[in-house]
Protein backbone atom coordinates (compact mmCIF):
# COMPACT_ATOMS: atom_id res chain seq x y z
CA MET A 1 -23.73 56.31 61.92
CA ASP A 2 -24.32 55.85 58.24
CA CYS A 3 -25.78 58.68 56.26
CA PRO A 4 -29.08 57.71 54.59
CA PHE A 5 -28.06 59.60 51.45
CA ILE A 6 -24.70 57.81 50.98
CA PRO A 7 -24.64 54.14 49.97
CA ASN A 8 -23.19 51.69 52.45
CA LEU A 9 -19.68 50.79 51.31
CA ILE A 10 -19.84 47.38 52.95
CA ASP A 11 -22.95 46.45 50.99
CA ILE A 12 -21.36 47.67 47.77
CA GLU A 13 -18.25 45.57 48.38
CA ALA A 14 -20.34 42.48 49.15
CA GLN A 15 -22.31 42.95 45.94
CA LEU A 16 -19.12 43.27 43.93
CA ILE A 17 -17.74 40.07 45.45
CA ARG A 18 -20.99 38.19 44.74
CA ASN A 19 -20.98 39.33 41.12
CA ALA A 20 -17.36 38.24 40.75
CA LEU A 21 -18.00 34.80 42.23
CA ARG A 22 -21.29 34.18 40.42
CA ARG A 23 -21.04 31.58 37.72
CA LYS A 24 -22.43 32.37 34.36
CA ARG A 25 -25.18 29.99 33.23
CA ILE A 26 -24.11 27.97 30.22
CA PHE A 27 -26.89 26.49 28.08
CA GLN A 28 -25.93 23.46 26.06
CA PRO A 29 -27.06 23.66 22.43
CA ARG A 30 -30.13 21.52 21.75
CA LEU A 31 -29.79 19.05 18.94
CA ASP A 32 -32.26 18.52 16.14
CA ILE A 33 -32.99 14.87 16.82
CA LEU A 34 -34.85 14.20 13.59
CA SER A 35 -31.87 15.40 11.52
CA PHE A 36 -29.82 12.32 12.37
CA PRO A 37 -29.66 9.30 10.03
CA GLU A 38 -32.25 6.55 10.36
CA GLU A 39 -29.64 4.03 11.56
CA TYR A 40 -28.65 6.38 14.36
CA LEU A 41 -32.27 6.89 15.42
CA PHE A 42 -33.00 3.17 15.44
CA GLU A 43 -29.89 2.37 17.44
CA ARG A 44 -30.69 4.94 20.12
CA TYR A 45 -34.49 5.14 20.13
CA ARG A 46 -35.63 1.93 18.32
CA PHE A 47 -37.83 4.00 16.02
CA SER A 48 -37.42 5.78 12.68
CA SER A 49 -38.07 9.48 12.24
CA ASN A 50 -41.59 8.90 10.89
CA SER A 51 -42.52 6.75 13.86
CA ILE A 52 -41.06 9.28 16.31
CA ILE A 53 -43.19 12.00 14.72
CA TYR A 54 -46.23 9.70 14.96
CA LEU A 55 -45.56 9.04 18.65
CA GLU A 56 -45.12 12.75 19.32
CA ASN A 57 -48.45 13.56 17.68
CA ILE A 58 -50.43 11.07 19.76
CA LEU A 59 -48.60 11.77 23.04
CA GLN A 60 -48.18 15.53 22.76
CA PRO A 61 -51.40 16.44 24.67
CA HIS A 62 -50.24 14.32 27.61
CA ILE A 63 -46.54 15.22 27.86
CA THR A 64 -46.28 18.88 26.78
CA ASN A 65 -45.13 21.23 29.54
CA LEU A 66 -47.62 23.88 30.58
CA THR A 67 -44.99 26.61 30.36
CA GLN A 68 -42.10 27.25 28.01
CA SER A 69 -40.21 29.53 30.39
CA GLY A 70 -36.79 28.54 31.66
CA ARG A 71 -35.92 26.63 28.50
CA ALA A 72 -38.54 23.95 29.21
CA LEU A 73 -38.22 20.73 27.23
CA THR A 74 -40.32 20.30 24.15
CA SER A 75 -42.61 17.30 23.70
CA LEU A 76 -40.17 15.80 21.20
CA GLN A 77 -37.30 16.04 23.67
CA ILE A 78 -39.38 14.51 26.45
CA LEU A 79 -40.40 11.64 24.17
CA CYS A 80 -36.85 10.95 22.98
CA ILE A 81 -35.51 10.96 26.54
CA ALA A 82 -38.03 8.27 27.49
CA LEU A 83 -37.37 6.25 24.32
CA LEU A 84 -33.64 6.40 25.04
CA PHE A 85 -34.22 5.07 28.55
CA PHE A 86 -36.52 2.29 27.32
CA ALA A 87 -34.07 1.24 24.61
CA ASN A 88 -30.92 1.61 26.70
CA GLY A 89 -31.96 0.60 30.19
CA SER A 90 -28.96 2.37 31.71
CA PHE A 91 -28.87 4.46 34.85
CA LEU A 92 -30.55 7.84 34.58
CA TYR A 93 -27.42 9.75 35.48
CA ASN A 94 -25.53 8.01 32.65
CA ILE A 95 -28.20 9.12 30.18
CA GLY A 96 -28.23 12.60 31.74
CA ASP A 97 -24.47 13.00 31.37
CA ALA A 98 -24.68 12.00 27.71
CA GLU A 99 -27.69 14.20 26.92
CA HIS A 100 -26.73 17.15 29.19
CA PHE A 101 -29.86 16.84 31.33
CA GLY A 102 -30.28 16.50 35.07
CA LYS A 103 -31.37 13.25 36.66
CA ALA A 104 -34.57 14.81 38.02
CA THR A 105 -35.46 16.13 34.56
CA LEU A 106 -34.98 12.69 33.03
CA CYS A 107 -37.03 11.03 35.76
CA ARG A 108 -39.97 13.38 35.18
CA ALA A 109 -39.76 12.91 31.40
CA VAL A 110 -39.75 9.10 31.64
CA ARG A 111 -42.67 9.18 34.06
CA LYS A 112 -44.71 11.48 31.80
CA VAL A 113 -44.24 9.30 28.74
CA THR A 114 -44.85 6.10 30.71
CA LEU A 115 -48.22 7.29 32.02
CA ALA A 116 -49.19 8.64 28.59
CA LEU A 117 -48.43 5.29 26.94
CA LYS A 118 -50.33 3.48 29.67
CA CYS A 119 -53.44 5.45 28.67
CA LEU A 120 -53.12 3.96 25.16
CA LEU A 121 -53.24 0.37 26.43
CA PRO A 122 -56.99 -0.22 25.78
CA MET A 123 -56.57 0.98 22.17
CA MET A 124 -53.25 -0.68 21.28
CA VAL A 125 -53.55 -4.00 23.14
CA VAL A 126 -56.84 -5.69 22.18
CA PHE A 127 -57.73 -9.38 22.37
CA PRO A 128 -58.02 -11.30 20.08
CA GLY A 129 -56.73 -8.45 17.89
CA HIS A 130 -57.73 -5.75 15.47
CA LYS A 131 -58.03 -8.30 12.65
CA PRO A 132 -61.03 -10.59 12.11
CA VAL A 133 -60.82 -13.87 14.00
CA GLY A 134 -60.80 -15.84 10.75
CA ASN A 135 -57.68 -14.06 9.55
CA ILE A 136 -55.93 -14.74 12.86
CA ASN A 137 -56.82 -18.44 12.57
CA GLU A 138 -55.39 -18.60 9.06
CA GLU A 139 -52.13 -16.92 10.08
CA PHE A 140 -51.59 -19.41 12.91
CA HIS A 141 -52.60 -22.33 10.68
CA ARG A 142 -49.92 -21.42 8.15
CA ILE A 143 -47.20 -21.84 10.80
CA ALA A 144 -47.61 -25.56 11.53
CA GLY A 145 -51.15 -26.53 10.60
CA PHE A 146 -52.56 -25.98 14.09
CA PRO A 147 -56.28 -25.08 13.72
CA ASN A 148 -58.57 -22.69 15.62
CA VAL A 149 -55.83 -20.71 17.37
CA ILE A 150 -56.37 -17.03 18.19
CA GLY A 151 -53.43 -16.42 20.51
CA CYS A 152 -50.24 -17.78 22.05
CA ILE A 153 -49.84 -17.20 25.78
CA ASP A 154 -46.70 -17.34 27.88
CA GLY A 155 -45.13 -15.85 30.98
CA THR A 156 -41.81 -14.13 31.51
CA GLN A 157 -39.95 -12.77 34.52
CA ILE A 158 -38.84 -9.10 34.44
CA PRO A 159 -36.04 -8.59 37.01
CA ILE A 160 -36.35 -5.66 39.43
CA THR A 161 -34.40 -4.38 42.41
CA ALA A 162 -35.43 -5.66 45.82
CA PRO A 163 -38.39 -3.57 47.04
CA LYS A 164 -38.56 -2.20 50.56
CA GLU A 165 -42.04 -3.57 51.25
CA ASN A 166 -43.07 -7.24 50.89
CA GLU A 167 -39.63 -8.08 49.58
CA GLY A 168 -40.14 -11.83 49.87
CA ASP A 169 -43.19 -11.82 47.58
CA TYR A 170 -41.06 -10.74 44.61
CA VAL A 171 -38.50 -13.55 44.88
CA ASN A 172 -39.25 -16.06 42.14
CA ARG A 173 -38.31 -19.74 41.95
CA LYS A 174 -34.90 -18.78 40.57
CA SER A 175 -34.18 -16.71 43.67
CA PHE A 176 -34.17 -13.20 42.24
CA HIS A 177 -36.69 -10.38 42.48
CA SER A 178 -38.98 -9.96 39.51
CA ILE A 179 -42.41 -9.15 38.11
CA ASN A 180 -44.19 -12.13 36.55
CA VAL A 181 -45.75 -10.93 33.28
CA GLN A 182 -48.31 -12.83 31.21
CA ILE A 183 -48.28 -12.06 27.49
CA ILE A 184 -50.58 -13.18 24.66
CA CYS A 185 -49.64 -12.49 21.05
CA ASP A 186 -50.94 -13.27 17.58
CA ALA A 187 -49.10 -14.69 14.60
CA ALA A 188 -47.92 -11.22 13.49
CA TYR A 189 -45.97 -10.64 16.75
CA ILE A 190 -48.55 -8.15 18.04
CA ILE A 191 -49.25 -8.44 21.75
CA THR A 192 -52.99 -8.75 22.29
CA ASN A 193 -53.09 -9.08 26.08
CA VAL A 194 -50.72 -8.33 28.95
CA GLU A 195 -50.92 -8.87 32.71
CA ALA A 196 -48.11 -6.97 34.45
CA LYS A 197 -49.03 -6.63 38.10
CA TRP A 198 -48.01 -9.86 39.82
CA PRO A 199 -44.92 -10.50 41.98
CA GLY A 200 -42.38 -13.03 40.78
CA SER A 201 -43.42 -15.66 43.32
CA VAL A 202 -46.91 -15.99 41.82
CA HIS A 203 -47.35 -19.04 39.59
CA ASP A 204 -48.37 -18.73 35.94
CA SER A 205 -51.54 -20.74 36.52
CA GLN A 206 -52.76 -18.35 39.21
CA ILE A 207 -52.15 -15.35 36.95
CA TYR A 208 -54.20 -16.95 34.20
CA ARG A 209 -57.02 -18.00 36.53
CA GLU A 210 -57.42 -14.49 37.92
CA CYS A 211 -56.93 -12.48 34.73
CA SER A 212 -59.87 -10.81 33.03
CA LEU A 213 -59.44 -12.92 29.88
CA SER A 214 -59.92 -16.15 31.81
CA ASN A 215 -63.17 -14.80 33.23
CA LYS A 216 -64.36 -14.00 29.70
CA PHE A 217 -63.67 -17.57 28.60
CA ALA A 218 -65.47 -18.90 31.68
CA ARG A 219 -68.54 -16.81 30.82
CA GLY A 220 -68.40 -17.95 27.20
CA LYS A 221 -67.51 -14.52 25.84
CA GLU A 222 -64.73 -16.00 23.67
CA THR A 223 -65.51 -19.13 21.66
CA LYS A 224 -62.25 -19.95 19.87
CA ALA A 225 -59.39 -21.97 21.29
CA LEU A 226 -56.59 -20.19 23.13
CA TYR A 227 -53.19 -21.77 22.69
CA LYS A 228 -50.91 -22.09 25.73
CA CYS A 229 -47.28 -23.08 25.71
CA SER A 230 -46.64 -23.55 29.43
CA LEU A 231 -47.67 -26.59 31.45
CA LEU A 232 -51.07 -25.47 32.74
CA PRO A 233 -54.10 -27.74 33.12
CA CYS A 234 -55.79 -28.27 29.78
CA GLN A 235 -59.12 -26.44 29.60
CA PRO A 236 -61.70 -25.99 26.82
CA PRO A 237 -60.08 -22.72 25.65
CA LEU A 238 -56.56 -23.78 26.67
CA LEU A 239 -54.52 -26.40 24.81
CA THR A 240 -51.30 -27.88 26.24
CA PRO A 241 -48.95 -30.57 24.84
CA TYR A 242 -49.21 -34.22 25.76
CA PRO A 243 -46.88 -34.99 28.70
CA ASP A 244 -46.44 -38.71 27.80
CA LEU A 245 -46.02 -39.07 24.07
CA GLU A 246 -47.29 -41.97 22.03
CA PRO A 247 -46.23 -42.40 18.40
CA GLY A 248 -48.76 -41.15 15.93
CA PRO A 249 -51.27 -38.32 16.33
CA GLN A 250 -50.01 -37.23 19.76
CA GLN A 251 -46.47 -36.82 18.46
CA ARG A 252 -47.63 -34.80 15.48
CA PHE A 253 -49.80 -32.72 17.81
CA ASN A 254 -46.82 -31.88 20.03
CA VAL A 255 -44.63 -31.02 17.04
CA ALA A 256 -47.23 -28.58 15.69
CA HIS A 257 -47.78 -27.28 19.21
CA CYS A 258 -44.05 -26.64 19.70
CA ARG A 259 -43.62 -24.90 16.36
CA THR A 260 -46.61 -22.67 17.01
CA ARG A 261 -45.57 -21.80 20.56
CA ALA A 262 -42.27 -20.46 19.28
CA ARG A 263 -44.19 -17.43 18.05
CA VAL A 264 -44.83 -16.10 21.58
CA GLU A 265 -41.28 -16.85 22.73
CA MET A 266 -39.94 -15.02 19.70
CA ASP A 267 -42.25 -12.11 20.51
CA ILE A 268 -40.98 -11.91 24.09
CA GLY A 269 -37.43 -12.04 22.76
CA ILE A 270 -38.12 -9.18 20.35
CA LEU A 271 -39.74 -7.16 23.14
CA LYS A 272 -36.75 -7.53 25.46
CA SER A 273 -34.21 -6.95 22.70
CA ARG A 274 -36.01 -3.82 21.55
CA PHE A 275 -36.29 -2.37 25.07
CA GLN A 276 -33.22 -3.25 27.11
CA CYS A 277 -34.66 -1.65 30.23
CA LEU A 278 -36.72 -4.85 30.71
CA CYS A 279 -33.51 -6.76 31.45
CA LYS A 280 -33.41 -5.02 34.87
CA LEU A 281 -35.72 -2.31 36.21
CA ARG A 282 -34.30 -0.26 39.08
CA VAL A 283 -37.60 1.24 40.23
CA THR A 284 -40.39 0.34 42.61
CA PRO A 285 -42.68 -2.57 41.60
CA GLU A 286 -45.57 -0.20 40.83
CA ARG A 287 -43.47 1.87 38.46
CA ALA A 288 -41.91 -1.27 36.99
CA CYS A 289 -45.38 -2.51 36.02
CA ASP A 290 -46.14 0.83 34.34
CA ILE A 291 -42.88 0.70 32.37
CA ILE A 292 -43.59 -2.87 31.23
CA VAL A 293 -47.02 -1.84 29.96
CA ALA A 294 -45.52 1.21 28.21
CA CYS A 295 -42.94 -1.00 26.46
CA VAL A 296 -45.71 -3.37 25.31
CA VAL A 297 -47.62 -0.44 23.78
CA LEU A 298 -44.45 0.80 22.06
CA HIS A 299 -43.75 -2.74 20.82
CA ASN A 300 -47.16 -2.94 19.16
CA ILE A 301 -46.72 0.49 17.59
CA ALA A 302 -43.30 -0.51 16.26
CA THR A 303 -44.71 -3.76 14.85
CA ILE A 304 -47.66 -2.03 13.19
CA LYS A 305 -45.40 0.70 11.76
CA GLY A 306 -43.06 -1.94 10.32
CA GLU A 307 -39.98 -1.05 12.36
CA GLN A 308 -37.09 -3.45 11.98
CA ASN A 309 -36.55 -5.96 14.76
CA PRO A 310 -33.34 -5.75 16.79
CA ALA A 311 -30.95 -8.68 16.94
CA LEU A 312 -32.48 -11.35 19.14
CA GLN A 313 -30.63 -12.46 22.24
CA ILE A 314 -30.53 -16.23 22.40
CA ASN A 315 -30.87 -16.27 26.19
CA TYR A 316 -31.82 -13.73 28.82
CA PRO A 317 -30.60 -13.78 32.41
CA GLY A 318 -33.43 -14.86 34.65
CA ASP A 319 -35.87 -15.62 31.87
CA ASP A 320 -37.97 -18.75 32.16
CA HIS A 321 -38.22 -19.18 28.39
CA PRO A 322 -34.91 -18.83 26.52
CA ILE A 323 -35.10 -18.77 22.74
CA HIS A 324 -33.37 -21.73 21.19
CA PRO A 325 -31.90 -21.74 17.67
CA ALA A 326 -34.31 -24.52 16.66
CA ASP A 327 -37.30 -22.39 17.65
CA VAL A 328 -35.87 -19.44 15.76
CA GLN A 329 -35.53 -21.62 12.66
CA ASP A 330 -39.13 -22.81 13.04
């Protein structure tokens, strides 16, 4: 029988063995992200140091951790993790291995920033834009002489992994799973409207008919002409090219139409080149839609802040609207 005044030798030996086998926690040194050169920041995060500071200031109330115990990530680190994912589009464990973070930590950081950027959508994506309508008309008119245009509209397919529910609804006409996104932009490459909630099998015309902007035009809320580059039925606010050309005014109309429509295709190309995650999203459709909206908000912020555009990809796998060299020249 053990004496209550003498420690148990077995317990002491077990404690010694546990202490010997216990691994010491090693904390990786945290880097000062803003100390890197501007070229390095743009290559990894698609933003300069000034823009990263601006994003941190407007997102800090939404992404800051409630506690700083346990070496919690700062708001700047959370933001840069999300920007790295948006710009890279790689697997989370690849980013975690490079940045010395766990996959769960990265997933929570990307989700925080995505939801915070989604809250900025009503302020950053406004139709017909933050400029006066007359200025928007003049900017479009300088492209190819097309009058009374306040926006270019187009659709693009964002590939996703096959979802577990309603898998067939997300298979588009090119036989891969995607989200069909409708985008409207102005002449300055700023996206003024986005619809990112429809499966890939839904046609562009149905997305336009059921979007809020179409209802505004039907009620007469918007009076100017909306310019459309895809083959949808021509409507009072919606102008499409002539299918059967005749020499003369119709040919000149289609030439101006084609040169003006290149603006939205260029904008989609810049968006996908800036945020490589849009080339393939490996998340559920609901989260994919949130990430698309977050990238659109970041794209507008980058355009307004004057960030340089990445090198355009001439063609994107699975995209309905590749960018041709002639359109780039126009």
